[in-house]
Structure formats: structure tokens, C-alpha cells
Amino acid sequence: MPLDAQIAGFLQQLEAAGAQPFHALPPVEAREAFSKLNAMLPGSSAPVASIDNRSVPGPAGEIPVRVYTPEGDGPFPVLVYIHGGGFVIGSLDDYEPVCQELCSRVGCVVVSVDYRLAPEHPFPAAPDDAFAVTQWVAGHAVELNADPARIAVGGDSAGGNLAAVVALRAREAGGPALVGQLLIYPTVQAGEVTPSIEENAEGYLLTRADMEYFFNHYAGQETDLNNPDLAPLRSDNLGGLPPAWVRTCEFDPLRDEGEAYAQALEAAGVPVSARRIDGSIHGSWSFFTVLALGGVMMDEAVEWLKSRFTA
């Protein structure tokens, strides 16, 4: 399909505004640019009972989290949400609309994770933090007015990678038991060049040069590209993982690896809901308040999470 007309207009607006590619900026400036873009977009108007900042003990100190609690009576199911941004950019504020929308419409507590970012904190800081928060949520569900038997993990892009890694780690550790993994255009490989990377190398918000920039900052001195904590697609055992919801976008460098992961999960016997959003780009999920195709992804994610939490 051709690029969605609304998305094409959105990209033209960014270009006209002089938006710099992420790889052209130092990490601190890339974070500021990403936050500035998000601040210009409408937030979520979905009602929630409360939004609270707190911190969780982690392997290298306290990990900030933001807890969204829905209206109504609990205990509620809970989603641990891990934001995207190439492991280098992204923040609790940047992802507040996504988390607020999911909290309200699914009727679940959402715990948004402010994991340590590269290059200041390269791999494996991010997965260590994400798993620590998930373990904490399972052990402190009662104080969150949440149900420890109904925990899911989710994330987009780099956050999709981290959600997949958390699911793998939880299986290996014998818990926490997870009812689902929500994977939005996840990055799940390390170093391979797929057709979608070549086809969508430039012009669709996330570029091949951006991917290399993010990966080089994140991987640091990591030389084992087969490490499943870095590249979940390289895991030699994907069996016994929680059901997965995987969405990819047609004009996204990450399209092929996300779809390969969905296929690998299915081959391992994991229930998978997988679909490509034609005409769409990387980042559309985060921009669901202004991009209709992002809204489609949000609608489908909400319905899938509801089904997992009531299964």
C-alpha cells in the first residue's frame, strides 16, 4: 500500500519545521528534541483515578516509575509498560498519553518504567531495570490495588525488546507469571540487515542511521550478539512464554524482525496475535492522538489486553 496520506502530511510538517534526525544529535539533545515533539501533541483525555510518581528498588539504585490507577474498585490487572526510544531517548512524560489511555480504557493499573538510558548506562542496565520493576510489581501488587495473578508486560520499539526480554527472564526465573506480552514494532535482533531496513532506510521518521546510532550507544562493548537479553530473536527456546500481541508497520525498518519474532513464537507454540499495519510508520503508536493508524493500534491493543486480563 502507499504511505498513509495523513502520515505523509505529518512527516512533511516535521521536515518543514526543521526536525533533525536523531543520529545527528548528541544523546542529551536527541532526548530534548523527542520530548519537545511529544509536548506539541495532544495528550490523552481518558479519565483515570490517579497518576503517582514513586520509585522502586533496582540493581543500581532506585528506579523511577509512574503508576496510573483506573477509576473503579480493584484489585485491577496490571500492565508494566516499558517505553521506546532506542534505549537512548524517551521518558515517563513522553509516554504519559499512551499509559493514561491504556489505564483508562483497559481498566488496569499501568506501571511505566523509567529505566536507565544509554550511553550513560549501556546494556544490560535497561533489561535489568525492567525486570526488577516487574518483579517488584508482582511482590507489591496489593499496595497497588492490583491482582498479582493478572500481570502483563508491554512496550514499543526498544521497549518491545525489553518487554520480550522480561518475558524470557520471568520464564527462566520461574516467575513472575505473566498473562501476556504486548509488543509494538519490537526490535528483537542485533546486527542483521533485513529487507525492511534497506527498503525503509530513510524518509519514514526512524532511519537506518538512527538505528545504528541507537544500537552503538546501547550495546557498548557487548560482543555476543546472540545474547537473548540483547536480541530475543536469537533465543534458542521461545517455548512456554506468555501469549503475545505483535504489531508491525509497513514503512518501518523494524518490520521484518518483528514479524520474524511473531512467527518464531508461533512455531514454539506460543499463542500470537500478529498483524502488519499497512501504510504506517515507526512511531505511529506514540502519536495515536493525531494519527488515525496509531489509533487503530491503540484500539486493538486495548481489546487484546482486556481479553488477556479476563481469560
C-alpha atoms as a PDB file:
ATOM      1  CA  MET A   1       0.000   0.000   0.000  1.00  0.00           C
ATOM      2  CA  PRO A   2       1.094   3.612  -0.377  1.00  0.00           C
ATOM      3  CA  LEU A   3       2.117   5.593   2.662  1.00  0.00           C
ATOM      4  CA  ASP A   4      -0.976   6.779   4.527  1.00  0.00           C
ATOM      5  CA  ALA A   5      -1.818  10.321   3.408  1.00  0.00           C
ATOM      6  CA  GLN A   6      -2.209  11.631   6.944  1.00  0.00           C
ATOM      7  CA  ILE A   7       1.167  10.201   7.935  1.00  0.00           C
ATOM      8  CA  ALA A   8       2.771  11.656   4.803  1.00  0.00           C
ATOM      9  CA  GLY A   9       1.455  15.074   5.826  1.00  0.00           C
ATOM     10  CA  PHE A  10       2.765  14.576   9.366  1.00  0.00           C
ATOM     11  CA  LEU A  11       6.250  13.773   8.036  1.00  0.00           C
ATOM     12  CA  GLN A  12       6.137  16.828   5.776  1.00  0.00           C
ATOM     13  CA  GLN A  13       5.266  19.007   8.763  1.00  0.00           C
ATOM     14  CA  LEU A  14       8.233  17.649  10.702  1.00  0.00           C
ATOM     15  CA  GLU A  15      10.553  18.319   7.767  1.00  0.00           C
ATOM     16  CA  ALA A  16       9.187  21.841   7.305  1.00  0.00           C
ATOM     17  CA  ALA A  17       9.768  22.518  10.994  1.00  0.00           C
ATOM     18  CA  GLY A  18      13.442  21.629  10.553  1.00  0.00           C
ATOM     19  CA  ALA A  19      13.372  18.458  12.652  1.00  0.00           C
ATOM     20  CA  GLN A  20      16.864  16.965  12.908  1.00  0.00           C
ATOM     21  CA  PRO A  21      17.402  13.213  12.604  1.00  0.00           C
ATOM     22  CA  PHE A  22      18.212  11.623  15.933  1.00  0.00           C
ATOM     23  CA  HIS A  23      21.622  10.384  14.790  1.00  0.00           C
ATOM     24  CA  ALA A  24      22.699  13.976  14.037  1.00  0.00           C
ATOM     25  CA  LEU A  25      22.315  14.979  17.688  1.00  0.00           C
ATOM     26  CA  PRO A  26      24.176  14.144  20.903  1.00  0.00           C
ATOM     27  CA  PRO A  27      22.026  11.908  23.135  1.00  0.00           C
ATOM     28  CA  VAL A  28      21.023  14.716  25.510  1.00  0.00           C
ATOM     29  CA  GLU A  29      19.851  16.873  22.598  1.00  0.00           C
ATOM     30  CA  ALA A  30      18.085  13.927  20.948  1.00  0.00           C
ATOM     31  CA  ARG A  31      16.128  13.406  24.178  1.00  0.00           C
ATOM     32  CA  GLU A  32      15.191  17.072  24.287  1.00  0.00           C
ATOM     33  CA  ALA A  33      14.058  17.024  20.651  1.00  0.00           C
ATOM     34  CA  PHE A  34      11.926  13.926  21.209  1.00  0.00           C
ATOM     35  CA  SER A  35      10.346  15.415  24.317  1.00  0.00           C
ATOM     36  CA  LYS A  36       9.675  18.697  22.508  1.00  0.00           C
ATOM     37  CA  LEU A  37       7.883  16.810  19.716  1.00  0.00           C
ATOM     38  CA  ASN A  38       5.746  14.877  22.192  1.00  0.00           C
ATOM     39  CA  ALA A  39       4.906  18.028  24.155  1.00  0.00           C
ATOM     40  CA  MET A  40       3.499  19.616  20.991  1.00  0.00           C
ATOM     41  CA  LEU A  41       0.960  16.814  20.521  1.00  0.00           C
ATOM     42  CA  PRO A  42      -2.364  16.427  22.331  1.00  0.00           C
ATOM     43  CA  GLY A  43      -2.318  14.277  25.431  1.00  0.00           C
ATOM     44  CA  SER A  44      -4.875  11.678  26.422  1.00  0.00           C
ATOM     45  CA  SER A  45      -8.221  12.849  27.779  1.00  0.00           C
ATOM     46  CA  ALA A  46      -9.095   9.382  29.085  1.00  0.00           C
ATOM     47  CA  PRO A  47     -10.111   9.603  32.759  1.00  0.00           C
ATOM     48  CA  VAL A  48      -8.057   7.864  35.446  1.00  0.00           C
ATOM     49  CA  ALA A  49      -8.336   7.906  39.227  1.00  0.00           C
ATOM     50  CA  SER A  50      -4.719   8.843  39.924  1.00  0.00           C
ATOM     51  CA  ILE A  51      -1.243   9.264  38.476  1.00  0.00           C
ATOM     52  CA  ASP A  52       1.558   8.877  41.016  1.00  0.00           C
ATOM     53  CA  ASN A  53       5.321   9.086  40.787  1.00  0.00           C
ATOM     54  CA  ARG A  54       7.281   6.746  43.007  1.00  0.00           C
ATOM     55  CA  SER A  55      10.477   4.711  42.953  1.00  0.00           C
ATOM     56  CA  VAL A  56      11.292   1.027  43.018  1.00  0.00           C
ATOM     57  CA  PRO A  57      14.492  -0.639  44.294  1.00  0.00           C
ATOM     58  CA  GLY A  58      16.710  -1.662  41.400  1.00  0.00           C
ATOM     59  CA  PRO A  59      20.062  -3.333  40.816  1.00  0.00           C
ATOM     60  CA  ALA A  60      21.891   0.008  40.751  1.00  0.00           C
ATOM     61  CA  GLY A  61      19.652   2.189  42.899  1.00  0.00           C
ATOM     62  CA  GLU A  62      16.108   3.483  42.818  1.00  0.00           C
ATOM     63  CA  ILE A  63      14.180   3.219  39.535  1.00  0.00           C
ATOM     64  CA  PRO A  64      11.556   5.948  38.958  1.00  0.00           C
ATOM     65  CA  VAL A  65       8.146   4.677  37.900  1.00  0.00           C
ATOM     66  CA  ARG A  66       4.812   6.341  37.221  1.00  0.00           C
ATOM     67  CA  VAL A  67       1.727   4.470  38.428  1.00  0.00           C
ATOM     68  CA  TYR A  68      -1.621   5.011  36.691  1.00  0.00           C
ATOM     69  CA  THR A  69      -4.694   3.717  38.518  1.00  0.00           C
ATOM     70  CA  PRO A  70      -8.074   3.464  36.792  1.00  0.00           C
ATOM     71  CA  GLU A  71     -11.389   4.579  38.179  1.00  0.00           C
ATOM     72  CA  GLY A  72     -13.485   1.959  39.950  1.00  0.00           C
ATOM     73  CA  ASP A  73     -12.864  -0.733  42.507  1.00  0.00           C
ATOM     74  CA  GLY A  74      -9.866  -3.056  42.427  1.00  0.00           C
ATOM     75  CA  PRO A  75      -7.946  -5.152  42.585  1.00  0.00           C
ATOM     76  CA  PHE A  76      -7.142  -4.361  38.973  1.00  0.00           C
ATOM     77  CA  PRO A  77      -4.990  -6.202  36.461  1.00  0.00           C
ATOM     78  CA  VAL A  78      -1.646  -4.517  35.887  1.00  0.00           C
ATOM     79  CA  LEU A  79       0.482  -3.707  32.849  1.00  0.00           C
ATOM     80  CA  VAL A  80       4.189  -2.984  33.223  1.00  0.00           C
ATOM     81  CA  TYR A  81       4.844  -0.577  30.335  1.00  0.00           C
ATOM     82  CA  ILE A  82       8.378  -0.059  29.013  1.00  0.00           C
ATOM     83  CA  HIS A  83       8.786   2.921  26.712  1.00  0.00           C
ATOM     84  CA  GLY A  84      10.575   3.082  23.385  1.00  0.00           C
ATOM     85  CA  GLY A  85      13.338   5.371  22.182  1.00  0.00           C
ATOM     86  CA  GLY A  86      16.212   3.201  21.012  1.00  0.00           C
ATOM     87  CA  PHE A  87      17.370   2.656  24.614  1.00  0.00           C
ATOM     88  CA  VAL A  88      18.724   6.233  24.417  1.00  0.00           C
ATOM     89  CA  ILE A  89      15.731   8.615  24.450  1.00  0.00           C
ATOM     90  CA  GLY A  90      12.218   8.581  25.896  1.00  0.00           C
ATOM     91  CA  SER A  91      10.820   9.379  29.339  1.00  0.00           C
ATOM     92  CA  LEU A  92       7.840   8.945  31.639  1.00  0.00           C
ATOM     93  CA  ASP A  93       6.467  12.289  30.418  1.00  0.00           C
ATOM     94  CA  ASP A  94       6.853  11.358  26.754  1.00  0.00           C
ATOM     95  CA  TYR A  95       4.751   8.232  27.252  1.00  0.00           C
ATOM     96  CA  GLU A  96       2.120   9.595  29.601  1.00  0.00           C
ATOM     97  CA  PRO A  97      -0.595   9.753  26.889  1.00  0.00           C
ATOM     98  CA  VAL A  98      -0.035   6.089  25.964  1.00  0.00           C
ATOM     99  CA  CYS A  99      -0.072   4.905  29.571  1.00  0.00           C
ATOM    100  CA  GLN A 100      -3.059   7.040  30.571  1.00  0.00           C
ATOM    101  CA  GLU A 101      -5.058   5.774  27.586  1.00  0.00           C
ATOM    102  CA  LEU A 102      -4.270   2.136  28.338  1.00  0.00           C
ATOM    103  CA  CYS A 103      -5.032   2.542  32.035  1.00  0.00           C
ATOM    104  CA  SER A 104      -8.420   4.122  31.429  1.00  0.00           C
ATOM    105  CA  ARG A 105      -9.659   2.041  28.523  1.00  0.00           C
ATOM    106  CA  VAL A 106      -8.374  -1.347  29.651  1.00  0.00           C
ATOM    107  CA  GLY A 107      -9.215  -0.739  33.302  1.00  0.00           C
ATOM    108  CA  CYS A 108      -5.792  -1.756  34.542  1.00  0.00           C
ATOM    109  CA  VAL A 109      -3.054  -0.293  36.671  1.00  0.00           C
ATOM    110  CA  VAL A 110      -0.172   0.768  34.430  1.00  0.00           C
ATOM    111  CA  VAL A 111       3.338   0.983  35.846  1.00  0.00           C
ATOM    112  CA  SER A 112       5.534   2.999  33.459  1.00  0.00           C
ATOM    113  CA  VAL A 113       9.252   2.253  33.848  1.00  0.00           C
ATOM    114  CA  ASP A 114      11.915   4.971  33.720  1.00  0.00           C
ATOM    115  CA  TYR A 115      14.792   2.550  33.076  1.00  0.00           C
ATOM    116  CA  ARG A 116      18.373   3.777  32.783  1.00  0.00           C
ATOM    117  CA  LEU A 117      19.304   5.041  29.325  1.00  0.00           C
ATOM    118  CA  ALA A 118      22.375   4.534  27.164  1.00  0.00           C
ATOM    119  CA  PRO A 119      25.072   5.618  26.527  1.00  0.00           C
ATOM    120  CA  GLU A 120      25.434   6.610  30.181  1.00  0.00           C
ATOM    121  CA  HIS A 121      24.062   3.194  31.143  1.00  0.00           C
ATOM    122  CA  PRO A 122      24.621   0.686  28.325  1.00  0.00           C
ATOM    123  CA  PHE A 123      23.336  -2.876  28.089  1.00  0.00           C
ATOM    124  CA  PRO A 124      22.306  -4.661  30.300  1.00  0.00           C
ATOM    125  CA  ALA A 125      21.145  -1.756  32.508  1.00  0.00           C
ATOM    126  CA  ALA A 126      17.783  -1.411  30.725  1.00  0.00           C
ATOM    127  CA  PRO A 127      16.673  -5.067  30.911  1.00  0.00           C
ATOM    128  CA  ASP A 128      17.962  -5.316  34.484  1.00  0.00           C
ATOM    129  CA  ASP A 129      15.766  -2.351  35.482  1.00  0.00           C
ATOM    130  CA  ALA A 130      12.725  -3.545  33.530  1.00  0.00           C
ATOM    131  CA  PHE A 131      12.838  -6.988  35.107  1.00  0.00           C
ATOM    132  CA  ALA A 132      13.422  -5.552  38.589  1.00  0.00           C
ATOM    133  CA  VAL A 133      10.295  -3.398  38.267  1.00  0.00           C
ATOM    134  CA  THR A 134       8.248  -6.359  37.026  1.00  0.00           C
ATOM    135  CA  GLN A 135       9.386  -8.442  39.993  1.00  0.00           C
ATOM    136  CA  TRP A 136       8.575  -5.566  42.342  1.00  0.00           C
ATOM    137  CA  VAL A 137       5.087  -5.181  40.872  1.00  0.00           C
ATOM    138  CA  ALA A 138       4.399  -8.876  41.443  1.00  0.00           C
ATOM    139  CA  GLY A 139       5.566  -8.652  45.032  1.00  0.00           C
ATOM    140  CA  HIS A 140       3.763  -5.387  45.835  1.00  0.00           C
ATOM    141  CA  ALA A 141       0.549  -5.826  43.879  1.00  0.00           C
ATOM    142  CA  VAL A 142      -1.639  -5.426  46.947  1.00  0.00           C
ATOM    143  CA  GLU A 143      -0.352  -1.928  47.681  1.00  0.00           C
ATOM    144  CA  LEU A 144      -1.011  -1.019  44.031  1.00  0.00           C
ATOM    145  CA  ASN A 145      -4.600  -2.287  44.337  1.00  0.00           C
ATOM    146  CA  ALA A 146      -3.593  -4.802  41.677  1.00  0.00           C
ATOM    147  CA  ASP A 147      -4.003  -8.527  41.143  1.00  0.00           C
ATOM    148  CA  PRO A 148      -0.661 -10.418  41.108  1.00  0.00           C
ATOM    149  CA  ALA A 149      -2.278 -13.173  39.032  1.00  0.00           C
ATOM    150  CA  ARG A 150      -3.000 -10.757  36.167  1.00  0.00           C
ATOM    151  CA  ILE A 151       0.279  -9.094  35.170  1.00  0.00           C
ATOM    152  CA  ALA A 152       1.249  -8.299  31.579  1.00  0.00           C
ATOM    153  CA  VAL A 153       4.282  -6.554  30.115  1.00  0.00           C
ATOM    154  CA  GLY A 154       4.381  -4.322  27.087  1.00  0.00           C
ATOM    155  CA  GLY A 155       6.400  -1.788  25.185  1.00  0.00           C
ATOM    156  CA  ASP A 156       7.145  -0.236  21.828  1.00  0.00           C
ATOM    157  CA  SER A 157      10.334  -0.447  19.768  1.00  0.00           C
ATOM    158  CA  ALA A 158      13.193  -0.665  22.292  1.00  0.00           C
ATOM    159  CA  GLY A 159      10.506  -1.104  24.929  1.00  0.00           C
ATOM    160  CA  GLY A 160       9.144  -4.016  22.914  1.00  0.00           C
ATOM    161  CA  ASN A 161      12.605  -5.558  23.063  1.00  0.00           C
ATOM    162  CA  LEU A 162      12.674  -5.074  26.834  1.00  0.00           C
ATOM    163  CA  ALA A 163       9.168  -6.495  27.293  1.00  0.00           C
ATOM    164  CA  ALA A 164      10.189  -9.591  25.323  1.00  0.00           C
ATOM    165  CA  VAL A 165      13.347  -9.911  27.423  1.00  0.00           C
ATOM    166  CA  VAL A 166      11.344  -9.575  30.646  1.00  0.00           C
ATOM    167  CA  ALA A 167       9.067 -12.399  29.475  1.00  0.00           C
ATOM    168  CA  LEU A 168      12.110 -14.593  28.778  1.00  0.00           C
ATOM    169  CA  ARG A 169      13.713 -13.752  32.113  1.00  0.00           C
ATOM    170  CA  ALA A 170      10.493 -14.390  34.009  1.00  0.00           C
ATOM    171  CA  ARG A 171      10.197 -17.820  32.427  1.00  0.00           C
ATOM    172  CA  GLU A 172      13.791 -18.667  33.308  1.00  0.00           C
ATOM    173  CA  ALA A 173      13.381 -17.388  36.867  1.00  0.00           C
ATOM    174  CA  GLY A 174      10.144 -19.265  37.436  1.00  0.00           C
ATOM    175  CA  GLY A 175       8.163 -16.029  37.742  1.00  0.00           C
ATOM    176  CA  PRO A 176       6.534 -13.648  37.881  1.00  0.00           C
ATOM    177  CA  ALA A 177       3.829 -15.416  35.920  1.00  0.00           C
ATOM    178  CA  LEU A 178       2.707 -13.176  33.058  1.00  0.00           C
ATOM    179  CA  VAL A 179      -0.594 -13.338  31.202  1.00  0.00           C
ATOM    180  CA  GLY A 180       0.634 -11.549  28.098  1.00  0.00           C
ATOM    181  CA  GLN A 181       3.309  -9.554  26.297  1.00  0.00           C
ATOM    182  CA  LEU A 182       2.314  -6.518  24.226  1.00  0.00           C
ATOM    183  CA  LEU A 183       4.997  -5.953  21.570  1.00  0.00           C
ATOM    184  CA  ILE A 184       4.645  -2.869  19.387  1.00  0.00           C
ATOM    185  CA  TYR A 185       7.102  -2.930  16.447  1.00  0.00           C
ATOM    186  CA  PRO A 186       9.737  -4.505  18.716  1.00  0.00           C
ATOM    187  CA  THR A 187      13.427  -4.530  17.907  1.00  0.00           C
ATOM    188  CA  VAL A 188      14.479  -8.112  18.591  1.00  0.00           C
ATOM    189  CA  GLN A 189      17.679  -8.698  16.650  1.00  0.00           C
ATOM    190  CA  ALA A 190      21.247  -7.380  16.726  1.00  0.00           C
ATOM    191  CA  GLY A 191      23.270  -6.508  13.674  1.00  0.00           C
ATOM    192  CA  GLU A 192      21.289  -8.184  10.890  1.00  0.00           C
ATOM    193  CA  VAL A 193      20.229  -6.185   7.850  1.00  0.00           C
ATOM    194  CA  THR A 194      16.744  -7.184   6.719  1.00  0.00           C
ATOM    195  CA  PRO A 195      14.910  -6.128   3.558  1.00  0.00           C
ATOM    196  CA  SER A 196      12.732  -3.732   5.581  1.00  0.00           C
ATOM    197  CA  ILE A 197      15.831  -1.970   6.906  1.00  0.00           C
ATOM    198  CA  GLU A 198      17.041  -1.440   3.345  1.00  0.00           C
ATOM    199  CA  GLU A 199      13.619  -0.523   1.929  1.00  0.00           C
ATOM    200  CA  ASN A 200      12.831   1.982   4.684  1.00  0.00           C
ATOM    201  CA  ALA A 201      16.313   3.298   5.376  1.00  0.00           C
ATOM    202  CA  GLU A 202      15.301   6.950   5.043  1.00  0.00           C
ATOM    203  CA  GLY A 203      12.214   9.103   4.957  1.00  0.00           C
ATOM    204  CA  TYR A 204       9.939   7.401   7.492  1.00  0.00           C
ATOM    205  CA  LEU A 205      10.960   9.016  10.812  1.00  0.00           C
ATOM    206  CA  LEU A 206      13.174   6.156  12.050  1.00  0.00           C
ATOM    207  CA  THR A 207      16.136   5.763   9.702  1.00  0.00           C
ATOM    208  CA  ARG A 208      18.800   3.117   9.312  1.00  0.00           C
ATOM    209  CA  ALA A 209      21.374   5.634  10.532  1.00  0.00           C
ATOM    210  CA  ASP A 210      19.241   6.249  13.630  1.00  0.00           C
ATOM    211  CA  MET A 211      19.106   2.509  14.316  1.00  0.00           C
ATOM    212  CA  GLU A 212      22.875   2.226  14.104  1.00  0.00           C
ATOM    213  CA  TYR A 213      23.289   5.269  16.355  1.00  0.00           C
ATOM    214  CA  PHE A 214      20.960   3.828  18.994  1.00  0.00           C
ATOM    215  CA  PHE A 215      22.437   0.339  18.852  1.00  0.00           C
ATOM    216  CA  ASN A 216      26.026   1.533  19.092  1.00  0.00           C
ATOM    217  CA  HIS A 217      25.184   3.592  22.175  1.00  0.00           C
ATOM    218  CA  TYR A 218      23.255   0.735  23.753  1.00  0.00           C
ATOM    219  CA  ALA A 219      25.367  -2.323  23.013  1.00  0.00           C
ATOM    220  CA  GLY A 220      28.557  -0.683  24.218  1.00  0.00           C
ATOM    221  CA  GLN A 221      31.264  -3.300  24.401  1.00  0.00           C
ATOM    222  CA  GLU A 222      28.798  -6.181  24.170  1.00  0.00           C
ATOM    223  CA  THR A 223      30.231  -8.629  21.641  1.00  0.00           C
ATOM    224  CA  ASP A 224      27.819 -11.546  21.997  1.00  0.00           C
ATOM    225  CA  LEU A 225      25.109 -10.576  19.531  1.00  0.00           C
ATOM    226  CA  ASN A 226      23.465 -13.937  20.208  1.00  0.00           C
ATOM    227  CA  ASN A 227      22.681 -12.959  23.792  1.00  0.00           C
ATOM    228  CA  PRO A 228      18.853 -13.226  24.051  1.00  0.00           C
ATOM    229  CA  ASP A 229      18.854 -10.396  26.603  1.00  0.00           C
ATOM    230  CA  LEU A 230      20.099  -8.229  23.725  1.00  0.00           C
ATOM    231  CA  ALA A 231      18.368  -9.970  20.824  1.00  0.00           C
ATOM    232  CA  PRO A 232      15.360 -12.082  21.884  1.00  0.00           C
ATOM    233  CA  LEU A 233      15.030 -13.475  18.353  1.00  0.00           C
ATOM    234  CA  ARG A 234      18.345 -15.274  18.956  1.00  0.00           C
ATOM    235  CA  SER A 235      16.922 -17.264  21.867  1.00  0.00           C
ATOM    236  CA  ASP A 236      17.162 -20.991  21.254  1.00  0.00           C
ATOM    237  CA  ASN A 237      13.982 -21.598  23.261  1.00  0.00           C
ATOM    238  CA  LEU A 238      10.846 -19.482  22.926  1.00  0.00           C
ATOM    239  CA  GLY A 239       8.526 -22.118  24.335  1.00  0.00           C
ATOM    240  CA  GLY A 240       6.484 -21.549  27.463  1.00  0.00           C
ATOM    241  CA  LEU A 241       6.238 -17.786  27.017  1.00  0.00           C
ATOM    242  CA  PRO A 242       3.027 -15.844  27.631  1.00  0.00           C
ATOM    243  CA  PRO A 243       0.671 -15.090  24.726  1.00  0.00           C
ATOM    244  CA  ALA A 244       1.938 -12.239  22.548  1.00  0.00           C
ATOM    245  CA  TRP A 245       0.352  -9.349  20.668  1.00  0.00           C
ATOM    246  CA  VAL A 246       2.697  -8.161  17.928  1.00  0.00           C
ATOM    247  CA  ARG A 247       2.077  -5.224  15.625  1.00  0.00           C
ATOM    248  CA  THR A 248       4.429  -4.060  12.893  1.00  0.00           C
ATOM    249  CA  CYS A 249       4.205  -1.194  10.399  1.00  0.00           C
ATOM    250  CA  GLU A 250       4.713  -1.411   6.653  1.00  0.00           C
ATOM    251  CA  PHE A 251       7.127   1.530   6.310  1.00  0.00           C
ATOM    252  CA  ASP A 252       9.290   0.653   9.323  1.00  0.00           C
ATOM    253  CA  PRO A 253      12.887  -0.579   9.302  1.00  0.00           C
ATOM    254  CA  LEU A 254      11.931  -2.910  12.196  1.00  0.00           C
ATOM    255  CA  ARG A 255       9.050  -4.530  10.306  1.00  0.00           C
ATOM    256  CA  ASP A 256      10.758  -7.758   9.296  1.00  0.00           C
ATOM    257  CA  GLU A 257      12.337  -8.600  12.641  1.00  0.00           C
ATOM    258  CA  GLY A 258       9.067  -8.034  14.496  1.00  0.00           C
ATOM    259  CA  GLU A 259       7.267 -10.325  12.099  1.00  0.00           C
ATOM    260  CA  ALA A 260      10.043 -12.917  12.339  1.00  0.00           C
ATOM    261  CA  TYR A 261       9.676 -12.877  16.116  1.00  0.00           C
ATOM    262  CA  ALA A 262       5.918 -13.382  15.895  1.00  0.00           C
ATOM    263  CA  GLN A 263       6.495 -16.348  13.574  1.00  0.00           C
ATOM    264  CA  ALA A 264       9.160 -17.805  15.861  1.00  0.00           C
ATOM    265  CA  LEU A 265       6.859 -17.518  18.873  1.00  0.00           C
ATOM    266  CA  GLU A 266       4.072 -19.261  16.964  1.00  0.00           C
ATOM    267  CA  ALA A 267       6.453 -22.015  15.887  1.00  0.00           C
ATOM    268  CA  ALA A 268       7.336 -22.516  19.566  1.00  0.00           C
ATOM    269  CA  GLY A 269       3.673 -22.973  20.454  1.00  0.00           C
ATOM    270  CA  VAL A 270       3.036 -19.511  21.886  1.00  0.00           C
ATOM    271  CA  PRO A 271      -0.404 -18.017  21.087  1.00  0.00           C
ATOM    272  CA  VAL A 272       0.216 -14.915  18.955  1.00  0.00           C
ATOM    273  CA  SER A 273      -1.951 -12.122  17.596  1.00  0.00           C
ATOM    274  CA  ALA A 274       0.156 -10.606  14.814  1.00  0.00           C
ATOM    275  CA  ARG A 275      -0.712  -8.022  12.188  1.00  0.00           C
ATOM    276  CA  ARG A 276       1.057  -5.552   9.928  1.00  0.00           C
ATOM    277  CA  ILE A 277      -0.425  -2.050   9.828  1.00  0.00           C
ATOM    278  CA  ASP A 278      -0.232  -1.168   6.136  1.00  0.00           C
ATOM    279  CA  GLY A 279       0.619   2.409   5.179  1.00  0.00           C
ATOM    280  CA  SER A 280       2.030   3.167   8.627  1.00  0.00           C
ATOM    281  CA  ILE A 281       5.434   4.113  10.069  1.00  0.00           C
ATOM    282  CA  HIS A 282       7.503   3.537  13.158  1.00  0.00           C
ATOM    283  CA  GLY A 283       6.346   5.867  15.911  1.00  0.00           C
ATOM    284  CA  SER A 284       2.677   5.903  14.929  1.00  0.00           C
ATOM    285  CA  TRP A 285       1.716   4.134  18.177  1.00  0.00           C
ATOM    286  CA  SER A 286       3.078   7.014  20.261  1.00  0.00           C
ATOM    287  CA  PHE A 287       1.247   9.545  18.090  1.00  0.00           C
ATOM    288  CA  PHE A 288      -2.150   7.876  18.409  1.00  0.00           C
ATOM    289  CA  THR A 289      -3.787  11.185  19.402  1.00  0.00           C
ATOM    290  CA  VAL A 290      -3.069  12.677  15.970  1.00  0.00           C
ATOM    291  CA  LEU A 291      -2.552   9.715  13.604  1.00  0.00           C
ATOM    292  CA  ALA A 292      -5.556   7.544  12.808  1.00  0.00           C
ATOM    293  CA  LEU A 293      -3.442   4.435  12.197  1.00  0.00           C
ATOM    294  CA  GLY A 294      -1.858   4.908  15.600  1.00  0.00           C
ATOM    295  CA  GLY A 295      -5.374   4.994  16.981  1.00  0.00           C
ATOM    296  CA  VAL A 296      -6.136   1.708  15.235  1.00  0.00           C
ATOM    297  CA  MET A 297      -3.190   0.103  17.006  1.00  0.00           C
ATOM    298  CA  MET A 298      -4.328   1.512  20.326  1.00  0.00           C
ATOM    299  CA  ASP A 299      -7.876   0.204  19.817  1.00  0.00           C
ATOM    300  CA  GLU A 300      -6.592  -3.276  19.016  1.00  0.00           C
ATOM    301  CA  ALA A 301      -4.157  -3.272  21.947  1.00  0.00           C
ATOM    302  CA  VAL A 302      -6.925  -2.285  24.356  1.00  0.00           C
ATOM    303  CA  GLU A 303      -9.174  -5.116  23.213  1.00  0.00           C
ATOM    304  CA  TRP A 304      -6.390  -7.700  23.358  1.00  0.00           C
ATOM    305  CA  LEU A 305      -5.319  -6.675  26.851  1.00  0.00           C
ATOM    306  CA  LYS A 306      -8.915  -6.861  28.053  1.00  0.00           C
ATOM    307  CA  SER A 307      -9.149 -10.383  26.661  1.00  0.00           C
ATOM    308  CA  ARG A 308      -5.921 -11.458  28.364  1.00  0.00           C
ATOM    309  CA  PHE A 309      -6.917  -9.981  31.705  1.00  0.00           C
ATOM    310  CA  THR A 310     -10.256 -11.803  31.657  1.00  0.00           C
ATOM    311  CA  ALA A 311      -9.013 -15.124  30.250  1.00  0.00           C
END
